[in-house]
Amino acid sequence: MRLEDRVSNWIREKVQEAGAEGVVVGLSGGVDSSVVACLARMAMKDKVLGLIMPCYSESLDEHYAGLMAKKLSMRTEHIVLDPVYDRFLEILPSAEKLALANLKPRLRMTTLYYFANDLNYLVAGTGNKSEILIGYFTKYGDGGCDILPLGDLLKTQVRELAVSLGIPEEIIKRKPSAGLWKEQTDEGEIGLSYSDLDRIILAIESGKTDSLPPRMVARVKELKKKSEHKRSPVPVFKLD
């Protein structure tokens, strides 16, 4: 069975198990969200809602998100979060750049769940294994979801799947960006290309890292260790 069929079947099963009726997907204009949207459409037909949620975003993000929605004939809602973000900044004290930036994915998560609750849909996250493993996501932001269809696929595997699904080439070849600030790129923040990151992840998993630069291997191990709290259940104090 093709990978896309396996994943779409899994989405359908998870929706049914939850007693839900469909799936909500945030469309960012990137390859991950495009692949998830495509798989969700395969799984749930018309029971999919794509949300385009600009928050001081690059205009190209909206362009490619709209392009993907049109290609899939997907029902969409366009929710501009700029004024909500502005209002938060008016009432909150000043903060560091990252705290301000992380408001954006958390506002998007809130919006996704608003529609999901109203429609009895599940929120499909768009994170992949490469990002999840090193903690490259916002806790309770883009990490807040009900299902992760790409959670066991490395970024390079997602790109291969995108080709198989017929995702437009310009989306596949875009520089990945979380859109947290102007000209921000994922690889720039991570300090590694996704191809290098994936090679290192596979090498660490197989225990064969001798042929790789020690500095790069140490970088990935450090990121994984520091972000462990993002992947773990919330600690609960136990009454013994």
C-alpha atoms as a PDB file:
ATOM      1  CA  MET A   1       0.000   0.000   0.000  1.00  0.00           C
ATOM      2  CA  ARG A   2       1.283   3.468  -0.854  1.00  0.00           C
ATOM      3  CA  LEU A   3       2.411   5.669   2.029  1.00  0.00           C
ATOM      4  CA  GLU A   4      -0.225   8.301   1.245  1.00  0.00           C
ATOM      5  CA  ASP A   5      -2.953   5.660   1.455  1.00  0.00           C
ATOM      6  CA  ARG A   6      -1.617   4.349   4.753  1.00  0.00           C
ATOM      7  CA  VAL A   7      -1.537   7.822   6.289  1.00  0.00           C
ATOM      8  CA  SER A   8      -4.947   8.861   4.962  1.00  0.00           C
ATOM      9  CA  ASN A   9      -6.473   5.628   6.271  1.00  0.00           C
ATOM     10  CA  TRP A  10      -4.892   6.357   9.655  1.00  0.00           C
ATOM     11  CA  ILE A  11      -6.413   9.852   9.707  1.00  0.00           C
ATOM     12  CA  ARG A  12      -9.845   8.416   8.966  1.00  0.00           C
ATOM     13  CA  GLU A  13      -9.466   5.822  11.717  1.00  0.00           C
ATOM     14  CA  LYS A  14      -8.436   8.421  14.299  1.00  0.00           C
ATOM     15  CA  VAL A  15     -11.372  10.662  13.433  1.00  0.00           C
ATOM     16  CA  GLN A  16     -13.763   7.731  13.774  1.00  0.00           C
ATOM     17  CA  GLU A  17     -12.204   6.582  17.050  1.00  0.00           C
ATOM     18  CA  ALA A  18     -12.691  10.066  18.492  1.00  0.00           C
ATOM     19  CA  GLY A  19     -16.332  10.202  17.431  1.00  0.00           C
ATOM     20  CA  ALA A  20     -15.467  13.296  15.403  1.00  0.00           C
ATOM     21  CA  GLU A  21     -16.782  14.274  11.985  1.00  0.00           C
ATOM     22  CA  GLY A  22     -13.821  15.767  10.164  1.00  0.00           C
ATOM     23  CA  VAL A  23     -10.477  17.549  10.306  1.00  0.00           C
ATOM     24  CA  VAL A  24      -9.265  21.143  10.623  1.00  0.00           C
ATOM     25  CA  VAL A  25      -5.878  22.010   9.105  1.00  0.00           C
ATOM     26  CA  GLY A  26      -3.933  25.246   9.317  1.00  0.00           C
ATOM     27  CA  LEU A  27      -2.654  26.184   5.855  1.00  0.00           C
ATOM     28  CA  SER A  28       0.647  28.047   6.071  1.00  0.00           C
ATOM     29  CA  GLY A  29       1.747  27.844   2.452  1.00  0.00           C
ATOM     30  CA  GLY A  30       4.530  25.411   3.344  1.00  0.00           C
ATOM     31  CA  VAL A  31       5.116  21.838   2.269  1.00  0.00           C
ATOM     32  CA  ASP A  32       4.118  20.212   5.582  1.00  0.00           C
ATOM     33  CA  SER A  33       0.691  21.827   5.838  1.00  0.00           C
ATOM     34  CA  SER A  34       0.103  21.221   2.121  1.00  0.00           C
ATOM     35  CA  VAL A  35       0.823  17.510   2.509  1.00  0.00           C
ATOM     36  CA  VAL A  36      -1.407  17.223   5.587  1.00  0.00           C
ATOM     37  CA  ALA A  37      -4.223  19.043   3.790  1.00  0.00           C
ATOM     38  CA  CYS A  38      -3.940  16.697   0.829  1.00  0.00           C
ATOM     39  CA  LEU A  39      -3.929  13.586   3.036  1.00  0.00           C
ATOM     40  CA  ALA A  40      -6.880  14.914   5.044  1.00  0.00           C
ATOM     41  CA  ARG A  41      -8.865  15.437   1.852  1.00  0.00           C
ATOM     42  CA  MET A  42      -8.066  11.877   0.781  1.00  0.00           C
ATOM     43  CA  ALA A  43      -9.248  10.623   4.164  1.00  0.00           C
ATOM     44  CA  MET A  44     -12.308  12.755   4.862  1.00  0.00           C
ATOM     45  CA  LYS A  45     -13.453  14.104   1.461  1.00  0.00           C
ATOM     46  CA  ASP A  46     -15.479  17.260   2.125  1.00  0.00           C
ATOM     47  CA  LYS A  47     -15.197  16.997   5.904  1.00  0.00           C
ATOM     48  CA  VAL A  48     -12.022  19.087   5.947  1.00  0.00           C
ATOM     49  CA  LEU A  49     -11.639  22.772   6.757  1.00  0.00           C
ATOM     50  CA  GLY A  50      -8.479  24.674   5.896  1.00  0.00           C
ATOM     51  CA  LEU A  51      -7.723  27.771   7.935  1.00  0.00           C
ATOM     52  CA  ILE A  52      -5.534  30.531   6.524  1.00  0.00           C
ATOM     53  CA  MET A  53      -4.474  32.626   9.524  1.00  0.00           C
ATOM     54  CA  PRO A  54      -2.062  35.444   8.661  1.00  0.00           C
ATOM     55  CA  CYS A  55      -0.513  37.233  11.611  1.00  0.00           C
ATOM     56  CA  TYR A  56       1.820  39.810  10.149  1.00  0.00           C
ATOM     57  CA  SER A  57       2.791  37.080   7.715  1.00  0.00           C
ATOM     58  CA  GLU A  58       4.613  37.281   4.405  1.00  0.00           C
ATOM     59  CA  SER A  59       2.189  37.773   1.509  1.00  0.00           C
ATOM     60  CA  LEU A  60       3.645  34.688  -0.201  1.00  0.00           C
ATOM     61  CA  ASP A  61       2.455  32.538   2.705  1.00  0.00           C
ATOM     62  CA  GLU A  62      -1.144  33.464   1.982  1.00  0.00           C
ATOM     63  CA  HIS A  63      -0.582  33.097  -1.754  1.00  0.00           C
ATOM     64  CA  TYR A  64       0.678  29.525  -1.516  1.00  0.00           C
ATOM     65  CA  ALA A  65      -1.898  28.585   1.120  1.00  0.00           C
ATOM     66  CA  GLY A  66      -4.634  29.813  -1.221  1.00  0.00           C
ATOM     67  CA  LEU A  67      -3.019  28.023  -4.152  1.00  0.00           C
ATOM     68  CA  MET A  68      -3.087  24.731  -2.246  1.00  0.00           C
ATOM     69  CA  ALA A  69      -6.659  25.222  -1.095  1.00  0.00           C
ATOM     70  CA  LYS A  70      -7.735  25.899  -4.682  1.00  0.00           C
ATOM     71  CA  LYS A  71      -5.857  22.864  -5.983  1.00  0.00           C
ATOM     72  CA  LEU A  72      -7.664  20.658  -3.443  1.00  0.00           C
ATOM     73  CA  SER A  73     -11.031  22.435  -3.829  1.00  0.00           C
ATOM     74  CA  MET A  74     -10.938  22.709  -0.053  1.00  0.00           C
ATOM     75  CA  ARG A  75     -13.362  24.664   2.065  1.00  0.00           C
ATOM     76  CA  THR A  76     -11.426  27.457   3.785  1.00  0.00           C
ATOM     77  CA  GLU A  77     -11.788  30.268   6.266  1.00  0.00           C
ATOM     78  CA  HIS A  78      -9.487  33.293   6.141  1.00  0.00           C
ATOM     79  CA  ILE A  79      -8.928  34.711   9.624  1.00  0.00           C
ATOM     80  CA  VAL A  80      -6.615  37.718   9.930  1.00  0.00           C
ATOM     81  CA  LEU A  81      -5.041  37.659  13.390  1.00  0.00           C
ATOM     82  CA  ASP A  82      -3.120  40.944  13.160  1.00  0.00           C
ATOM     83  CA  PRO A  83      -5.581  42.962  15.309  1.00  0.00           C
ATOM     84  CA  VAL A  84      -5.773  40.214  17.949  1.00  0.00           C
ATOM     85  CA  TYR A  85      -1.978  40.107  18.138  1.00  0.00           C
ATOM     86  CA  ASP A  86      -1.843  43.901  18.392  1.00  0.00           C
ATOM     87  CA  ARG A  87      -4.335  43.883  21.250  1.00  0.00           C
ATOM     88  CA  PHE A  88      -2.259  41.340  23.157  1.00  0.00           C
ATOM     89  CA  LEU A  89       0.806  43.565  22.800  1.00  0.00           C
ATOM     90  CA  GLU A  90      -1.186  46.527  24.105  1.00  0.00           C
ATOM     91  CA  ILE A  91      -2.152  44.780  27.343  1.00  0.00           C
ATOM     92  CA  LEU A  92       0.980  42.683  27.960  1.00  0.00           C
ATOM     93  CA  PRO A  93       4.271  44.037  29.321  1.00  0.00           C
ATOM     94  CA  SER A  94       7.242  44.207  26.955  1.00  0.00           C
ATOM     95  CA  ALA A  95       9.070  40.930  26.348  1.00  0.00           C
ATOM     96  CA  GLU A  96      11.903  39.309  24.434  1.00  0.00           C
ATOM     97  CA  LYS A  97      11.636  38.635  20.702  1.00  0.00           C
ATOM     98  CA  LEU A  98      10.905  34.921  21.054  1.00  0.00           C
ATOM     99  CA  ALA A  99       8.065  35.418  23.547  1.00  0.00           C
ATOM    100  CA  LEU A 100       6.450  37.899  21.161  1.00  0.00           C
ATOM    101  CA  ALA A 101       6.955  35.595  18.173  1.00  0.00           C
ATOM    102  CA  ASN A 102       5.484  32.548  19.926  1.00  0.00           C
ATOM    103  CA  LEU A 103       2.220  34.402  20.456  1.00  0.00           C
ATOM    104  CA  LYS A 104       1.504  33.919  16.756  1.00  0.00           C
ATOM    105  CA  PRO A 105       1.353  30.093  16.653  1.00  0.00           C
ATOM    106  CA  ARG A 106      -0.540  30.082  19.946  1.00  0.00           C
ATOM    107  CA  LEU A 107      -3.164  32.421  18.516  1.00  0.00           C
ATOM    108  CA  ARG A 108      -3.425  30.119  15.491  1.00  0.00           C
ATOM    109  CA  MET A 109      -3.858  27.088  17.748  1.00  0.00           C
ATOM    110  CA  THR A 110      -6.681  28.857  19.598  1.00  0.00           C
ATOM    111  CA  THR A 111      -8.357  29.640  16.278  1.00  0.00           C
ATOM    112  CA  LEU A 112      -7.997  26.064  15.025  1.00  0.00           C
ATOM    113  CA  TYR A 113      -9.659  24.708  18.164  1.00  0.00           C
ATOM    114  CA  TYR A 114     -12.449  27.269  17.967  1.00  0.00           C
ATOM    115  CA  PHE A 115     -13.510  25.843  14.616  1.00  0.00           C
ATOM    116  CA  ALA A 116     -12.747  22.258  15.638  1.00  0.00           C
ATOM    117  CA  ASN A 117     -14.973  22.537  18.700  1.00  0.00           C
ATOM    118  CA  ASP A 118     -17.768  24.125  16.714  1.00  0.00           C
ATOM    119  CA  LEU A 119     -17.695  21.484  13.963  1.00  0.00           C
ATOM    120  CA  ASN A 120     -16.759  18.439  16.074  1.00  0.00           C
ATOM    121  CA  TYR A 121     -13.574  18.089  14.018  1.00  0.00           C
ATOM    122  CA  LEU A 122     -10.055  17.072  15.062  1.00  0.00           C
ATOM    123  CA  VAL A 123      -7.112  19.440  14.666  1.00  0.00           C
ATOM    124  CA  ALA A 124      -4.487  17.860  12.407  1.00  0.00           C
ATOM    125  CA  GLY A 125      -1.013  19.080  13.292  1.00  0.00           C
ATOM    126  CA  THR A 126       1.577  19.593  10.576  1.00  0.00           C
ATOM    127  CA  GLY A 127       4.774  18.844  12.505  1.00  0.00           C
ATOM    128  CA  ASN A 128       7.215  16.269  11.150  1.00  0.00           C
ATOM    129  CA  LYS A 129       9.623  13.933  12.966  1.00  0.00           C
ATOM    130  CA  SER A 130      12.679  16.096  12.274  1.00  0.00           C
ATOM    131  CA  GLU A 131      11.132  19.121  13.995  1.00  0.00           C
ATOM    132  CA  ILE A 132       9.448  17.224  16.802  1.00  0.00           C
ATOM    133  CA  LEU A 133      12.617  15.354  17.748  1.00  0.00           C
ATOM    134  CA  ILE A 134      14.643  18.550  18.268  1.00  0.00           C
ATOM    135  CA  GLY A 135      11.754  20.556  19.709  1.00  0.00           C
ATOM    136  CA  TYR A 136      11.440  22.904  16.769  1.00  0.00           C
ATOM    137  CA  PHE A 137       7.827  23.834  17.443  1.00  0.00           C
ATOM    138  CA  THR A 138       5.963  26.107  19.825  1.00  0.00           C
ATOM    139  CA  LYS A 139       4.586  24.329  22.862  1.00  0.00           C
ATOM    140  CA  TYR A 140       0.789  24.765  22.849  1.00  0.00           C
ATOM    141  CA  GLY A 141       1.167  26.548  19.520  1.00  0.00           C
ATOM    142  CA  ASP A 142       1.794  24.517  16.375  1.00  0.00           C
ATOM    143  CA  GLY A 143       2.508  21.661  18.802  1.00  0.00           C
ATOM    144  CA  GLY A 144      -1.114  21.843  20.018  1.00  0.00           C
ATOM    145  CA  CYS A 145      -3.140  19.367  17.990  1.00  0.00           C
ATOM    146  CA  ASP A 146      -5.147  16.137  18.154  1.00  0.00           C
ATOM    147  CA  ILE A 147      -3.327  14.062  15.547  1.00  0.00           C
ATOM    148  CA  LEU A 148       0.088  14.234  13.853  1.00  0.00           C
ATOM    149  CA  PRO A 149      -0.088  12.559  10.436  1.00  0.00           C
ATOM    150  CA  LEU A 150       3.548  13.418   9.647  1.00  0.00           C
ATOM    151  CA  GLY A 151       4.924  12.865  13.141  1.00  0.00           C
ATOM    152  CA  ASP A 152       6.961   9.798  12.150  1.00  0.00           C
ATOM    153  CA  LEU A 153       8.197  11.161   8.813  1.00  0.00           C
ATOM    154  CA  LEU A 154      11.469  13.036   8.472  1.00  0.00           C
ATOM    155  CA  LYS A 155      11.403  16.311   6.535  1.00  0.00           C
ATOM    156  CA  THR A 156      13.103  14.678   3.557  1.00  0.00           C
ATOM    157  CA  GLN A 157      10.403  11.984   3.564  1.00  0.00           C
ATOM    158  CA  VAL A 158       7.688  14.643   3.674  1.00  0.00           C
ATOM    159  CA  ARG A 159       9.184  16.272   0.598  1.00  0.00           C
ATOM    160  CA  GLU A 160       9.245  12.926  -1.212  1.00  0.00           C
ATOM    161  CA  LEU A 161       5.617  12.362  -0.270  1.00  0.00           C
ATOM    162  CA  ALA A 162       4.757  15.859  -1.504  1.00  0.00           C
ATOM    163  CA  VAL A 163       6.152  14.969  -4.935  1.00  0.00           C
ATOM    164  CA  SER A 164       4.092  11.779  -4.982  1.00  0.00           C
ATOM    165  CA  LEU A 165       0.957  13.743  -4.052  1.00  0.00           C
ATOM    166  CA  GLY A 166       1.488  16.311  -6.801  1.00  0.00           C
ATOM    167  CA  ILE A 167       2.076  19.277  -4.501  1.00  0.00           C
ATOM    168  CA  PRO A 168       3.174  22.267  -6.647  1.00  0.00           C
ATOM    169  CA  GLU A 169       6.953  22.365  -7.051  1.00  0.00           C
ATOM    170  CA  GLU A 170       7.198  25.966  -5.884  1.00  0.00           C
ATOM    171  CA  ILE A 171       5.738  24.956  -2.516  1.00  0.00           C
ATOM    172  CA  ILE A 172       8.055  21.956  -2.143  1.00  0.00           C
ATOM    173  CA  LYS A 173      11.134  24.073  -2.920  1.00  0.00           C
ATOM    174  CA  ARG A 174      10.233  27.022  -0.679  1.00  0.00           C
ATOM    175  CA  LYS A 175      12.654  27.760   2.157  1.00  0.00           C
ATOM    176  CA  PRO A 176      10.900  26.378   5.241  1.00  0.00           C
ATOM    177  CA  SER A 177       9.884  29.104   7.694  1.00  0.00           C
ATOM    178  CA  ALA A 178       7.686  29.247  10.766  1.00  0.00           C
ATOM    179  CA  GLY A 179       6.962  32.880   9.877  1.00  0.00           C
ATOM    180  CA  LEU A 180       7.819  34.081  13.370  1.00  0.00           C
ATOM    181  CA  TRP A 181       9.556  37.226  12.111  1.00  0.00           C
ATOM    182  CA  LYS A 182      10.642  38.799   8.841  1.00  0.00           C
ATOM    183  CA  GLU A 183      13.073  36.673   6.806  1.00  0.00           C
ATOM    184  CA  GLN A 184      13.160  33.982   9.495  1.00  0.00           C
ATOM    185  CA  THR A 185      13.995  30.500   8.217  1.00  0.00           C
ATOM    186  CA  ASP A 186      13.816  27.125   9.948  1.00  0.00           C
ATOM    187  CA  GLU A 187      17.279  26.011   8.854  1.00  0.00           C
ATOM    188  CA  GLY A 188      18.801  29.301   9.946  1.00  0.00           C
ATOM    189  CA  GLU A 189      17.408  28.887  13.451  1.00  0.00           C
ATOM    190  CA  ILE A 190      18.218  25.190  13.717  1.00  0.00           C
ATOM    191  CA  GLY A 191      21.745  25.761  12.463  1.00  0.00           C
ATOM    192  CA  LEU A 192      21.559  22.796  10.090  1.00  0.00           C
ATOM    193  CA  SER A 193      19.974  22.032   6.763  1.00  0.00           C
ATOM    194  CA  TYR A 194      17.096  19.563   6.921  1.00  0.00           C
ATOM    195  CA  SER A 195      19.059  17.080   4.825  1.00  0.00           C
ATOM    196  CA  ASP A 196      21.939  17.184   7.337  1.00  0.00           C
ATOM    197  CA  LEU A 197      19.546  17.048  10.261  1.00  0.00           C
ATOM    198  CA  ASP A 198      17.814  13.979   8.884  1.00  0.00           C
ATOM    199  CA  ARG A 199      21.124  12.222   8.180  1.00  0.00           C
ATOM    200  CA  ILE A 200      22.180  12.824  11.762  1.00  0.00           C
ATOM    201  CA  ILE A 201      18.855  11.681  13.207  1.00  0.00           C
ATOM    202  CA  LEU A 202      19.072   8.419  11.271  1.00  0.00           C
ATOM    203  CA  ALA A 203      22.695   7.944  12.305  1.00  0.00           C
ATOM    204  CA  ILE A 204      21.893   8.517  15.981  1.00  0.00           C
ATOM    205  CA  GLU A 205      18.989   6.074  15.810  1.00  0.00           C
ATOM    206  CA  SER A 206      21.211   3.410  14.227  1.00  0.00           C
ATOM    207  CA  GLY A 207      24.135   4.133  16.537  1.00  0.00           C
ATOM    208  CA  LYS A 208      26.421   4.826  13.575  1.00  0.00           C
ATOM    209  CA  THR A 209      27.604   8.413  13.912  1.00  0.00           C
ATOM    210  CA  ASP A 210      31.364   7.904  13.430  1.00  0.00           C
ATOM    211  CA  SER A 211      31.376   9.209   9.862  1.00  0.00           C
ATOM    212  CA  LEU A 212      29.561  12.445  10.724  1.00  0.00           C
ATOM    213  CA  PRO A 213      31.014  15.719  12.044  1.00  0.00           C
ATOM    214  CA  PRO A 214      31.014  15.444  15.868  1.00  0.00           C
ATOM    215  CA  ARG A 215      29.939  19.072  16.235  1.00  0.00           C
ATOM    216  CA  MET A 216      26.776  18.493  14.200  1.00  0.00           C
ATOM    217  CA  VAL A 217      25.929  15.291  16.057  1.00  0.00           C
ATOM    218  CA  ALA A 218      26.419  17.059  19.389  1.00  0.00           C
ATOM    219  CA  ARG A 219      24.168  19.913  18.218  1.00  0.00           C
ATOM    220  CA  VAL A 220      21.280  17.553  17.427  1.00  0.00           C
ATOM    221  CA  LYS A 221      21.707  15.643  20.705  1.00  0.00           C
ATOM    222  CA  GLU A 222      21.712  18.911  22.621  1.00  0.00           C
ATOM    223  CA  LEU A 223      18.535  20.155  20.910  1.00  0.00           C
ATOM    224  CA  LYS A 224      16.825  16.840  21.596  1.00  0.00           C
ATOM    225  CA  LYS A 225      17.775  16.896  25.281  1.00  0.00           C
ATOM    226  CA  LYS A 226      16.771  20.528  25.854  1.00  0.00           C
ATOM    227  CA  SER A 227      13.354  20.005  24.248  1.00  0.00           C
ATOM    228  CA  GLU A 228      12.431  16.794  26.065  1.00  0.00           C
ATOM    229  CA  HIS A 229       9.779  18.641  28.081  1.00  0.00           C
ATOM    230  CA  LYS A 230       7.948  19.518  24.859  1.00  0.00           C
ATOM    231  CA  ARG A 231       7.427  15.862  23.964  1.00  0.00           C
ATOM    232  CA  SER A 232       6.651  14.557  27.449  1.00  0.00           C
ATOM    233  CA  PRO A 233       3.261  14.497  29.179  1.00  0.00           C
ATOM    234  CA  VAL A 234       2.731  17.273  31.707  1.00  0.00           C
ATOM    235  CA  PRO A 235       4.328  16.153  35.000  1.00  0.00           C
ATOM    236  CA  VAL A 236       1.737  15.397  37.673  1.00  0.00           C
ATOM    237  CA  PHE A 237       2.488  15.402  41.396  1.00  0.00           C
ATOM    238  CA  LYS A 238       1.458  12.037  42.853  1.00  0.00           C
ATOM    239  CA  LEU A 239       0.000  11.465  46.297  1.00  0.00           C
ATOM    240  CA  ASP A 240       1.748   8.277  47.408  1.00  0.00           C
END
